[in-house]
């Protein structure tokens, strides 16, 4: 093996033909022989390039609807042979195997086929076999062979061929080999994940894959290195959004923006809604007759915490709402679209990032949630649990009013997105107090009420914002003290999962205070 190896023969077989003709033309200009298959060969010939079919090299035609075309010793011998090993060279001469110095393969579009909801049989036919085999052979022999699996690497290869008179360096081949193995690993991850869903059982082995979207300046803190990887799914959100302005998103920006958009997507198909997030927790969520009103009501829940926050909207951003948001410093705004007025207004805020998506995320779509722990991973279904009014069980003597029921369901939706222990006060379709992440549920209840009282004082109101509100708790009240605290803050109704050994005690306290309370039978822990 030498550092620089010449490139005389390339095998190209790609599904994504972006930049294909230009790349192959440049290779041919270097005097490199082109081998290809199927549609790739046709595309190159249509561009006027001289291409030899792999079938002509192997002596076997493509067969079985293209399932077998490159799985042949002439192909893999040409990829795997060590050029400085006399026995390997002798075998190549004995069996008329020519060396292949470059492999360009980007695999069947398996992930895209799954994403569009194709039937089982179509998905199976989009599992690439020959492609990964060639990629792995070429990557193993990177001492002599260059392998390219991403269009983004075409320029690097052409640059080296130009710089080194038709040769590539070991450093480039080694880097491309790593990229190749990561690609086949991610591809097999997509296949195995899809098949796990089809089988419907917890798999003995599970893998996770991703593609680098960007290197981040740092992680949660400046001393932590970080990067952002995408998983290839088409779910609307921060990973698939278009950024219109502002500097690159940070690790914390991405995390918080995801939390904000997932929450506001709960209100798909409903009226205007706004969620303001700080450190992955909502500090204000509201609906309104207009988007601007929804924002104003969400902002009024906790104006202090909203400073430097993330704002998510469930409708395209308009100029009036953009003007209102511009009143304070905001890190990121994400919405399913934005009009020209909004973009123009935000254009004057160089530090504000505006992201737009093609739609809202589906809050009911099944997915996996993963968390790393020492020595392993915790994997669970994403919390897609939802309830309707028909699922509620009234457990108190007093029945809730229609407005209380509507507010309780709203509060329950928000509670799902607040770190446990979560307590949410809501009035007229807007949060008025949020208690998050406390070790004691009663402390969350008190903190939320105190923040509501502070905001009332800021707004010059005579009574706390929690007066006449409803309360949601993400898990059951283990004692009556949290309920009593909520009642003292002015709450009139509560929604909680129920299921505590002291439910009777809590229900009795609610009856004594004249509260209405409903059980959901479902909890929403979020750690």
Protein backbone atom coordinates (compact mmCIF):
# COMPACT_ATOMS: atom_id res chain seq x y z
CA UNK A 1 0.00 0.00 0.00
CA UNK A 2 1.21 3.51 -0.84
CA UNK A 3 -0.22 6.84 0.21
CA UNK A 4 -1.22 7.82 -3.32
CA UNK A 5 -2.94 5.23 -5.50
CA UNK A 6 -3.94 5.72 -9.13
CA UNK A 7 -7.56 5.60 -10.24
CA UNK A 8 -8.06 3.82 -13.55
CA UNK A 9 -11.48 2.21 -13.25
CA UNK A 10 -14.69 3.30 -11.52
CA UNK A 11 -17.95 1.48 -10.83
CA UNK A 12 -20.92 3.83 -10.50
CA UNK A 13 -24.44 2.71 -9.46
CA UNK A 14 -26.59 5.34 -7.81
CA UNK A 15 -30.24 6.00 -6.99
CA UNK A 16 -29.68 9.69 -6.27
CA UNK A 17 -28.35 11.05 -9.56
CA UNK A 18 -27.69 14.57 -8.29
CA UNK A 19 -24.41 15.77 -9.83
CA UNK A 20 -23.87 12.34 -11.45
CA UNK A 21 -23.20 13.47 -15.01
CA UNK A 22 -20.83 16.24 -13.98
CA UNK A 23 -18.89 13.92 -11.69
CA UNK A 24 -18.66 11.09 -14.22
CA UNK A 25 -17.67 13.51 -16.96
CA UNK A 26 -14.80 14.76 -14.80
CA UNK A 27 -13.72 11.17 -14.11
CA UNK A 28 -13.77 10.34 -17.81
CA UNK A 29 -11.71 13.46 -18.43
CA UNK A 30 -9.04 11.93 -16.20
CA UNK A 31 -8.97 8.86 -18.45
CA UNK A 32 -10.87 6.69 -15.93
CA UNK A 33 -12.91 3.79 -17.36
CA UNK A 34 -16.57 3.85 -16.28
CA UNK A 35 -18.50 0.72 -15.31
CA UNK A 36 -22.18 0.98 -14.43
CA UNK A 37 -25.56 -0.71 -14.16
CA UNK A 38 -29.19 -0.14 -15.13
CA UNK A 39 -30.55 3.37 -14.89
CA UNK A 40 -27.20 4.86 -13.96
CA UNK A 41 -25.61 3.50 -17.12
CA UNK A 42 -28.48 4.86 -19.23
CA UNK A 43 -28.16 8.31 -17.66
CA UNK A 44 -24.43 8.39 -18.38
CA UNK A 45 -24.85 7.22 -21.98
CA UNK A 46 -27.59 9.80 -22.53
CA UNK A 47 -25.01 12.38 -21.47
CA UNK A 48 -22.66 11.12 -24.18
CA UNK A 49 -20.26 9.21 -21.92
CA UNK A 50 -18.66 5.91 -22.81
CA UNK A 51 -19.87 3.36 -20.23
CA UNK A 52 -19.35 -0.40 -19.96
CA UNK A 53 -22.14 -2.47 -18.40
CA UNK A 54 -21.15 -4.56 -15.40
CA UNK A 55 -22.95 -7.47 -17.09
CA UNK A 56 -20.41 -7.29 -19.92
CA UNK A 57 -17.59 -7.51 -17.38
CA UNK A 58 -19.02 -10.39 -15.33
CA UNK A 59 -20.44 -12.33 -18.26
CA UNK A 60 -23.76 -12.60 -16.45
CA UNK A 61 -26.84 -10.48 -17.18
CA UNK A 62 -28.79 -8.63 -14.56
CA UNK A 63 -31.45 -11.06 -13.37
CA UNK A 64 -34.32 -11.59 -10.97
CA UNK A 65 -35.70 -8.08 -11.54
CA UNK A 66 -32.31 -6.55 -10.78
CA UNK A 67 -31.86 -8.38 -7.48
CA UNK A 68 -28.66 -9.92 -8.84
CA UNK A 69 -26.26 -7.84 -10.90
CA UNK A 70 -23.09 -6.93 -8.98
CA UNK A 71 -22.89 -9.93 -6.64
CA UNK A 72 -20.10 -11.58 -8.59
CA UNK A 73 -16.43 -12.53 -7.96
CA UNK A 74 -15.29 -10.38 -10.86
CA UNK A 75 -16.76 -7.34 -9.10
CA UNK A 76 -15.78 -8.15 -5.54
CA UNK A 77 -12.42 -9.57 -6.53
CA UNK A 78 -11.71 -6.30 -8.28
CA UNK A 79 -12.61 -4.44 -5.12
CA UNK A 80 -11.00 -6.63 -2.46
CA UNK A 81 -7.71 -7.62 -4.09
CA UNK A 82 -4.62 -6.25 -2.37
CA UNK A 83 -2.58 -4.69 -5.15
CA UNK A 84 0.72 -5.33 -3.34
CA UNK A 85 -0.02 -9.00 -2.60
CA UNK A 86 1.47 -11.33 -5.24
CA UNK A 87 -1.05 -14.11 -4.56
CA UNK A 88 -3.96 -11.68 -4.97
CA UNK A 89 -2.50 -10.31 -8.18
CA UNK A 90 -1.97 -13.84 -9.50
CA UNK A 91 -5.59 -14.73 -8.72
CA UNK A 92 -6.80 -11.65 -10.55
CA UNK A 93 -4.74 -12.61 -13.63
CA UNK A 94 -5.85 -16.25 -13.49
CA UNK A 95 -9.56 -15.36 -13.36
CA UNK A 96 -9.44 -12.26 -15.58
CA UNK A 97 -10.42 -9.92 -12.77
CA UNK A 98 -9.67 -6.28 -13.39
CA UNK A 99 -9.10 -3.93 -10.44
CA UNK A 100 -11.81 -1.44 -9.53
CA UNK A 101 -10.33 1.68 -7.94
CA UNK A 102 -13.46 3.72 -7.23
CA UNK A 103 -16.96 2.72 -6.15
CA UNK A 104 -19.77 5.29 -6.20
CA UNK A 105 -22.98 3.93 -4.65
CA UNK A 106 -25.74 5.69 -2.70
CA UNK A 107 -28.19 2.81 -2.20
CA UNK A 108 -31.86 2.26 -2.93
CA UNK A 109 -34.13 4.88 -1.31
CA UNK A 110 -35.29 2.62 1.53
CA UNK A 111 -35.90 5.39 4.07
CA UNK A 112 -37.89 7.45 1.59
CA UNK A 113 -39.98 4.41 0.64
CA UNK A 114 -40.90 3.80 4.28
CA UNK A 115 -41.59 7.48 4.88
CA UNK A 116 -44.17 7.62 2.09
CA UNK A 117 -46.09 4.71 3.63
CA UNK A 118 -45.39 2.18 0.88
CA UNK A 119 -46.83 -1.33 1.27
CA UNK A 120 -44.73 -4.14 2.73
CA UNK A 121 -43.76 -5.70 -0.60
CA UNK A 122 -42.55 -2.41 -2.08
CA UNK A 123 -40.49 -1.69 1.02
CA UNK A 124 -38.84 -5.12 0.77
CA UNK A 125 -37.85 -4.47 -2.85
CA UNK A 126 -36.16 -1.24 -1.77
CA UNK A 127 -33.75 -3.05 0.55
CA UNK A 128 -30.43 -2.75 -1.28
CA UNK A 129 -28.19 -5.83 -1.19
CA UNK A 130 -25.55 -5.40 -3.88
CA UNK A 131 -24.93 -1.77 -3.00
CA UNK A 132 -24.00 -2.31 0.65
CA UNK A 133 -21.91 -5.33 -0.35
CA UNK A 134 -19.85 -3.26 -2.80
CA UNK A 135 -19.55 -0.39 -0.34
CA UNK A 136 -18.25 -2.66 2.40
CA UNK A 137 -15.79 -4.41 0.09
CA UNK A 138 -14.41 -1.12 -1.17
CA UNK A 139 -14.26 0.38 2.33
CA UNK A 140 -12.40 -2.65 3.70
CA UNK A 141 -9.81 -2.27 0.96
CA UNK A 142 -9.45 1.49 1.38
CA UNK A 143 -5.71 1.05 1.24
CA UNK A 144 -6.23 0.92 -2.52
CA UNK A 145 -9.89 1.69 -3.27
CA UNK A 146 -11.84 4.93 -2.97
CA UNK A 147 -15.50 4.62 -1.96
CA UNK A 148 -18.09 7.39 -2.26
CA UNK A 149 -21.59 7.12 -0.76
CA UNK A 150 -22.52 10.82 -0.52
CA UNK A 151 -22.91 13.33 -3.33
CA UNK A 152 -21.27 15.82 -0.97
CA UNK A 153 -17.94 13.98 -1.41
CA UNK A 154 -17.74 14.25 -5.21
CA UNK A 155 -15.80 17.51 -5.08
CA UNK A 156 -13.24 16.16 -2.61
CA UNK A 157 -12.46 13.22 -4.88
CA UNK A 158 -12.16 15.40 -7.99
CA UNK A 159 -9.96 17.84 -6.11
CA UNK A 160 -7.51 15.11 -5.14
CA UNK A 161 -7.47 13.61 -8.63
CA UNK A 162 -6.58 17.02 -9.99
CA UNK A 163 -4.00 17.75 -7.31
CA UNK A 164 -2.32 14.34 -7.43
CA UNK A 165 -2.41 13.61 -11.17
CA UNK A 166 -5.20 11.03 -11.10
CA UNK A 167 -4.47 9.60 -7.66
CA UNK A 168 -6.16 9.79 -4.26
CA UNK A 169 -4.49 9.99 -0.85
CA UNK A 170 -4.76 7.43 1.91
CA UNK A 171 -6.16 10.09 4.25
CA UNK A 172 -9.09 10.73 1.91
CA UNK A 173 -9.72 7.04 1.28
CA UNK A 174 -9.70 6.32 5.02
CA UNK A 175 -12.14 9.16 5.74
CA UNK A 176 -14.46 8.04 2.95
CA UNK A 177 -14.32 4.45 4.23
CA UNK A 178 -15.49 5.59 7.66
CA UNK A 179 -18.33 7.51 6.03
CA UNK A 180 -19.19 4.43 4.00
CA UNK A 181 -19.42 2.11 7.00
CA UNK A 182 -21.51 4.68 8.86
CA UNK A 183 -23.86 4.85 5.87
CA UNK A 184 -24.35 1.09 5.63
CA UNK A 185 -24.80 0.93 9.41
CA UNK A 186 -27.45 3.66 9.28
CA UNK A 187 -29.10 1.92 6.31
CA UNK A 188 -29.27 -1.39 8.15
CA UNK A 189 -30.55 0.48 11.19
CA UNK A 190 -33.42 1.85 9.12
CA UNK A 191 -34.20 -1.62 7.78
CA UNK A 192 -34.04 -3.34 11.17
CA UNK A 193 -36.10 -0.60 12.84
CA UNK A 194 -38.79 -0.92 10.17
CA UNK A 195 -38.81 -4.70 10.48
CA UNK A 196 -39.04 -4.47 14.28
CA UNK A 197 -42.24 -2.51 13.80
CA UNK A 198 -43.53 -5.02 11.29
CA UNK A 199 -42.77 -7.96 13.61
CA UNK A 200 -44.30 -6.14 16.57
CA UNK A 201 -41.92 -7.53 19.19
CA UNK A 202 -39.14 -5.97 21.23
CA UNK A 203 -36.01 -6.78 19.17
CA UNK A 204 -33.06 -8.56 20.78
CA UNK A 205 -30.72 -6.06 19.14
CA UNK A 206 -31.47 -2.46 18.26
CA UNK A 207 -29.34 0.15 16.54
CA UNK A 208 -29.65 3.88 15.99
CA UNK A 209 -28.30 5.88 13.09
CA UNK A 210 -28.06 9.46 11.94
CA UNK A 211 -26.51 11.81 9.42
CA UNK A 212 -24.48 14.82 10.50
CA UNK A 213 -26.51 17.96 9.93
CA UNK A 214 -24.07 20.37 11.55
CA UNK A 215 -21.22 20.62 13.98
CA UNK A 216 -22.35 22.74 16.91
CA UNK A 217 -20.26 25.39 18.62
CA UNK A 218 -20.62 23.44 21.87
CA UNK A 219 -23.13 21.37 23.82
CA UNK A 220 -25.18 22.33 26.84
CA UNK A 221 -22.06 24.07 28.16
CA UNK A 222 -19.02 25.58 26.38
CA UNK A 223 -16.67 22.80 27.52
CA UNK A 224 -18.82 20.10 25.83
CA UNK A 225 -18.31 19.22 22.17
CA UNK A 226 -21.54 18.58 20.26
CA UNK A 227 -23.09 17.90 16.87
CA UNK A 228 -26.58 17.58 15.42
CA UNK A 229 -27.56 14.44 13.51
CA UNK A 230 -30.79 13.83 11.60
CA UNK A 231 -32.49 10.44 11.39
CA UNK A 232 -33.83 10.71 7.85
CA UNK A 233 -37.51 10.88 8.77
CA UNK A 234 -39.70 13.55 7.22
CA UNK A 235 -41.36 14.64 10.49
CA UNK A 236 -41.87 18.43 10.41
CA UNK A 237 -39.80 20.17 13.05
CA UNK A 238 -36.41 21.62 13.81
CA UNK A 239 -34.53 18.96 11.82
CA UNK A 240 -36.42 19.63 8.59
CA UNK A 241 -37.13 23.35 8.99
CA UNK A 242 -35.82 26.13 6.76
CA UNK A 243 -33.81 28.78 8.60
CA UNK A 244 -34.37 32.23 7.14
CA UNK A 245 -31.98 34.32 9.19
CA UNK A 246 -29.72 34.53 12.20
CA UNK A 247 -26.63 32.61 13.32
CA UNK A 248 -26.53 28.84 13.54
CA UNK A 249 -28.69 27.17 16.12
CA UNK A 250 -26.93 26.00 19.28
CA UNK A 251 -27.39 22.67 21.06
CA UNK A 252 -29.79 24.28 23.55
CA UNK A 253 -31.62 26.14 20.76
CA UNK A 254 -32.29 22.90 18.91
CA UNK A 255 -33.41 21.10 22.06
CA UNK A 256 -35.76 23.91 23.12
CA UNK A 257 -37.10 24.52 19.61
CA UNK A 258 -37.98 20.85 19.31
CA UNK A 259 -39.82 20.98 22.64
CA UNK A 260 -41.72 24.10 21.57
CA UNK A 261 -42.76 22.78 18.17
CA UNK A 262 -43.83 19.40 19.50
CA UNK A 263 -46.06 21.16 22.03
CA UNK A 264 -47.68 23.60 19.63
CA UNK A 265 -48.27 20.75 17.16
CA UNK A 266 -50.75 19.35 19.68
CA UNK A 267 -53.05 22.14 18.47
CA UNK A 268 -53.02 21.13 14.80
CA UNK A 269 -56.39 21.71 13.19
CA UNK A 270 -57.44 24.10 15.96
CA UNK A 271 -57.46 27.89 16.21
CA UNK A 272 -54.30 29.99 16.59
CA UNK A 273 -51.99 28.77 19.36
CA UNK A 274 -48.63 29.82 20.72
CA UNK A 275 -46.09 28.11 22.99
CA UNK A 276 -43.16 29.89 24.60
CA UNK A 277 -40.39 27.62 25.88
CA UNK A 278 -37.45 28.23 28.18
CA UNK A 279 -34.99 25.46 29.07
CA UNK A 280 -37.28 22.85 27.46
CA UNK A 281 -40.25 23.80 29.68
CA UNK A 282 -43.24 25.91 28.64
CA UNK A 283 -43.41 29.31 30.34
CA UNK A 284 -46.59 30.25 28.48
CA UNK A 285 -49.08 28.49 26.19
CA UNK A 286 -52.30 29.99 24.88
CA UNK A 287 -54.92 30.07 22.18
CA UNK A 288 -56.51 33.18 20.76
CA UNK A 289 -58.79 34.58 18.09
CA UNK A 290 -55.66 35.62 16.18
CA UNK A 291 -52.04 34.50 16.29
CA UNK A 292 -51.06 37.85 17.80
CA UNK A 293 -53.62 37.40 20.57
CA UNK A 294 -52.42 33.85 21.26
CA UNK A 295 -48.86 35.14 21.59
CA UNK A 296 -49.90 37.99 23.88
CA UNK A 297 -51.82 35.64 26.18
CA UNK A 298 -48.93 33.16 26.30
CA UNK A 299 -46.50 35.99 27.03
CA UNK A 300 -48.68 37.22 29.90
CA UNK A 301 -48.27 33.91 31.74
CA UNK A 302 -44.61 34.65 32.55
CA UNK A 303 -43.14 37.71 30.88
CA UNK A 304 -39.85 37.37 32.74
CA UNK A 305 -39.09 33.82 31.64
CA UNK A 306 -40.17 34.55 28.07
CA UNK A 307 -37.11 36.80 27.63
CA UNK A 308 -34.60 34.88 25.51
CA UNK A 309 -37.09 32.08 24.93
CA UNK A 310 -38.24 30.00 21.99
CA UNK A 311 -41.62 30.69 20.38
CA UNK A 312 -43.60 28.12 18.40
CA UNK A 313 -46.79 28.88 16.48
CA UNK A 314 -49.33 26.54 14.94
CA UNK A 315 -50.20 28.91 12.08
CA UNK A 316 -48.04 30.77 9.54
CA UNK A 317 -46.43 33.83 11.10
CA UNK A 318 -47.97 37.14 10.05
CA UNK A 319 -46.67 40.69 10.31
CA UNK A 320 -48.80 41.69 13.29
CA UNK A 321 -47.57 38.76 15.35
CA UNK A 322 -43.97 39.30 14.23
CA UNK A 323 -44.19 42.92 15.33
CA UNK A 324 -45.43 41.87 18.77
CA UNK A 325 -42.73 39.24 19.17
CA UNK A 326 -40.09 41.82 18.24
CA UNK A 327 -40.89 43.68 21.44
CA UNK A 328 -38.53 41.47 23.49
CA UNK A 329 -35.39 39.44 22.81
CA UNK A 330 -36.30 36.03 21.44
CA UNK A 331 -33.85 33.31 20.41
CA UNK A 332 -35.91 31.35 17.88
CA UNK A 333 -39.36 31.50 16.29
CA UNK A 334 -40.64 28.40 14.50
CA UNK A 335 -43.89 28.24 12.55
CA UNK A 336 -45.45 26.41 9.59
CA UNK A 337 -44.69 29.30 7.25
CA UNK A 338 -44.28 33.09 7.38
CA UNK A 339 -45.54 35.90 5.17
CA UNK A 340 -43.40 38.59 3.57
CA UNK A 341 -44.29 41.18 6.22
CA UNK A 342 -43.17 38.88 9.03
CA UNK A 343 -39.92 38.02 7.27
CA UNK A 344 -39.24 41.71 6.66
CA UNK A 345 -39.86 42.63 10.31
CA UNK A 346 -37.64 39.84 11.61
CA UNK A 347 -34.99 40.79 9.06
CA UNK A 348 -34.23 43.76 11.30
CA UNK A 349 -33.47 41.42 14.23
CA UNK A 350 -30.12 39.92 13.29
CA UNK A 351 -29.88 37.74 16.41
CA UNK A 352 -33.34 36.20 16.01
CA UNK A 353 -33.60 32.92 14.09
CA UNK A 354 -36.75 32.33 12.07
CA UNK A 355 -37.52 28.74 11.12
CA UNK A 356 -40.40 27.63 8.93
CA UNK A 357 -41.68 24.11 8.35
CA UNK A 358 -43.93 22.50 5.78
CA UNK A 359 -46.53 21.73 8.41
CA UNK A 360 -47.05 20.65 12.00
CA UNK A 361 -45.79 17.41 13.49
CA UNK A 362 -48.35 14.66 13.99
CA UNK A 363 -48.64 14.29 17.78
CA UNK A 364 -50.21 10.85 17.38
CA UNK A 365 -47.50 9.42 15.12
CA UNK A 366 -45.68 6.49 16.68
CA UNK A 367 -41.95 6.94 17.30
CA UNK A 368 -39.21 5.86 19.69
CA UNK A 369 -37.65 7.97 22.42
CA UNK A 370 -34.13 7.15 23.53
CA UNK A 371 -31.99 8.19 26.48
CA UNK A 372 -28.42 7.20 27.16
CA UNK A 373 -27.48 5.86 30.59
CA UNK A 374 -24.15 4.48 31.76
CA UNK A 375 -23.55 1.28 29.84
CA UNK A 376 -26.65 1.38 27.71
CA UNK A 377 -29.78 3.04 26.41
CA UNK A 378 -33.33 3.39 27.64
CA UNK A 379 -35.76 3.06 24.74
CA UNK A 380 -39.49 3.61 24.94
CA UNK A 381 -42.42 4.55 22.76
CA UNK A 382 -42.81 8.29 22.35
CA UNK A 383 -45.60 9.60 24.60
CA UNK A 384 -48.44 9.94 22.10
CA UNK A 385 -51.15 9.40 24.70
CA UNK A 386 -54.16 11.66 24.25
CA UNK A 387 -57.57 11.85 25.88
CA UNK A 388 -60.92 13.35 25.01
CA UNK A 389 -63.79 14.56 27.15
CA UNK A 390 -65.34 11.10 26.90
CA UNK A 391 -62.32 9.61 28.69
CA UNK A 392 -62.76 11.76 31.79
CA UNK A 393 -64.23 10.36 34.99
CA UNK A 394 -65.79 12.91 37.32
CA UNK A 395 -64.99 11.83 40.88
CA UNK A 396 -66.35 14.77 42.91
CA UNK A 397 -69.84 15.80 43.91
CA UNK A 398 -69.64 18.92 41.76
CA UNK A 399 -69.66 18.47 38.02
CA UNK A 400 -67.25 20.67 36.04
CA UNK A 401 -68.68 23.37 33.78
CA UNK A 402 -68.15 23.26 30.03
CA UNK A 403 -65.50 26.00 30.30
CA UNK A 404 -63.73 24.12 33.07
CA UNK A 405 -63.74 20.95 30.97
CA UNK A 406 -62.27 22.78 27.99
CA UNK A 407 -59.59 24.37 30.16
CA UNK A 408 -58.78 21.08 31.88
CA UNK A 409 -58.20 19.37 28.53
CA UNK A 410 -56.02 22.28 27.46
CA UNK A 411 -54.05 22.11 30.71
CA UNK A 412 -53.67 18.34 30.34
CA UNK A 413 -52.21 18.80 26.86
CA UNK A 414 -49.64 21.27 28.18
CA UNK A 415 -48.79 19.09 31.20
CA UNK A 416 -47.65 16.35 28.84
CA UNK A 417 -44.81 18.65 27.72
CA UNK A 418 -43.69 19.92 31.15
CA UNK A 419 -40.95 18.24 33.18
CA UNK A 420 -42.23 16.29 36.19
CA UNK A 421 -43.47 17.08 38.69
CA UNK A 422 -45.72 19.22 36.49
CA UNK A 423 -48.55 21.48 37.65
CA UNK A 424 -50.37 23.69 35.14
CA UNK A 425 -52.92 26.42 35.96
CA UNK A 426 -55.10 27.40 32.98
CA UNK A 427 -57.86 29.94 32.52
CA UNK A 428 -59.86 30.59 29.34
CA UNK A 429 -57.47 28.68 27.07
CA UNK A 430 -54.23 30.13 28.40
CA UNK A 431 -51.71 29.04 30.98
CA UNK A 432 -51.56 31.38 33.97
CA UNK A 433 -49.05 29.42 36.05
CA UNK A 434 -46.55 26.65 35.31
CA UNK A 435 -44.71 24.62 37.94
CA UNK A 436 -42.06 22.28 36.53
CA UNK A 437 -39.37 19.85 37.55
CA UNK A 438 -39.76 19.96 41.31
CA UNK A 439 -39.05 17.00 43.55
CA UNK A 440 -42.33 17.63 45.41
CA UNK A 441 -45.67 18.02 43.64
CA UNK A 442 -46.91 20.45 46.25
CA UNK A 443 -43.82 22.61 45.60
CA UNK A 444 -44.67 22.71 41.89
CA UNK A 445 -48.20 23.76 42.86
CA UNK A 446 -46.89 26.57 45.07
CA UNK A 447 -44.30 27.79 42.58
CA UNK A 448 -46.84 27.98 39.76
CA UNK A 449 -49.27 29.89 41.98
CA UNK A 450 -46.55 32.27 43.16
CA UNK A 451 -45.45 33.03 39.60
CA UNK A 452 -49.08 33.76 38.71
CA UNK A 453 -49.33 36.12 41.67
CA UNK A 454 -46.14 37.88 40.60
CA UNK A 455 -47.48 38.37 37.07
CA UNK A 456 -50.74 39.79 38.43
CA UNK A 457 -48.73 42.38 40.33
CA UNK A 458 -46.70 43.23 37.22
CA UNK A 459 -49.92 43.66 35.23
CA UNK A 460 -51.56 45.69 38.00
CA UNK A 461 -54.38 43.20 38.54
CA UNK A 462 -56.18 43.04 41.91
CA UNK A 463 -56.29 39.21 42.07
CA UNK A 464 -53.87 36.42 41.14
CA UNK A 465 -54.15 35.09 37.62
CA UNK A 466 -55.03 31.70 39.09
CA UNK A 467 -58.35 32.98 40.47
CA UNK A 468 -61.02 30.94 38.70
CA UNK A 469 -58.51 28.71 36.94
CA UNK A 470 -58.28 24.95 36.54
CA UNK A 471 -55.25 22.81 37.43
CA UNK A 472 -53.65 19.85 35.67
CA UNK A 473 -51.22 17.48 37.38
CA UNK A 474 -49.17 15.13 35.23
CA UNK A 475 -49.42 12.39 37.87
CA UNK A 476 -51.71 11.71 40.82
CA UNK A 477 -51.73 13.83 43.96
CA UNK A 478 -50.21 11.51 46.60
CA UNK A 479 -51.66 13.70 49.36
CA UNK A 480 -54.35 16.32 49.58
CA UNK A 481 -51.86 19.13 50.30
CA UNK A 482 -51.22 19.91 46.62
CA UNK A 483 -54.93 20.09 45.89
CA UNK A 484 -55.52 22.33 48.92
CA UNK A 485 -52.72 24.65 47.77
CA UNK A 486 -54.32 24.90 44.33
CA UNK A 487 -57.70 25.68 45.89
CA UNK A 488 -56.12 28.40 48.04
CA UNK A 489 -54.68 29.91 44.85
CA UNK A 490 -58.20 30.20 43.44
CA UNK A 491 -58.49 27.06 41.31
CA UNK A 492 -62.01 25.70 40.85
CA UNK A 493 -61.36 22.38 39.09
CA UNK A 494 -58.61 19.81 38.72
CA UNK A 495 -57.60 17.16 36.21
CA UNK A 496 -55.24 14.37 37.26
CA UNK A 497 -54.63 10.68 36.47
CA UNK A 498 -55.86 9.30 39.79
CA UNK A 499 -54.62 5.97 41.06
CA UNK A 500 -53.14 6.99 44.41
CA UNK A 501 -53.78 4.86 47.50
CA UNK A 502 -55.07 8.12 49.02
CA UNK A 503 -57.48 9.01 46.20
CA UNK A 504 -60.38 8.95 48.65
CA UNK A 505 -58.63 11.48 50.87
CA UNK A 506 -57.90 13.76 47.89
CA UNK A 507 -61.47 13.48 46.58
CA UNK A 508 -62.84 14.31 50.02
CA UNK A 509 -60.63 17.41 50.17
CA UNK A 510 -61.89 18.47 46.74
CA UNK A 511 -65.50 18.04 47.83
CA UNK A 512 -64.89 20.00 51.03
CA UNK A 513 -63.40 22.85 48.99
CA UNK A 514 -66.25 22.76 46.47
CA UNK A 515 -63.95 21.79 43.59
CA UNK A 516 -64.73 19.70 40.55
CA UNK A 517 -62.18 17.00 39.77
CA UNK A 518 -61.78 14.49 36.97
CA UNK A 519 -59.51 11.47 36.59
CA UNK A 520 -57.88 10.61 33.25
CA UNK A 521 -56.52 7.16 34.04
CA UNK A 522 -53.34 8.20 32.18
CA UNK A 523 -50.23 9.97 33.44
CA UNK A 524 -47.62 12.03 31.59
CA UNK A 525 -44.29 11.75 33.44
CA UNK A 526 -41.56 13.61 31.52
CA UNK A 527 -38.01 13.32 32.81
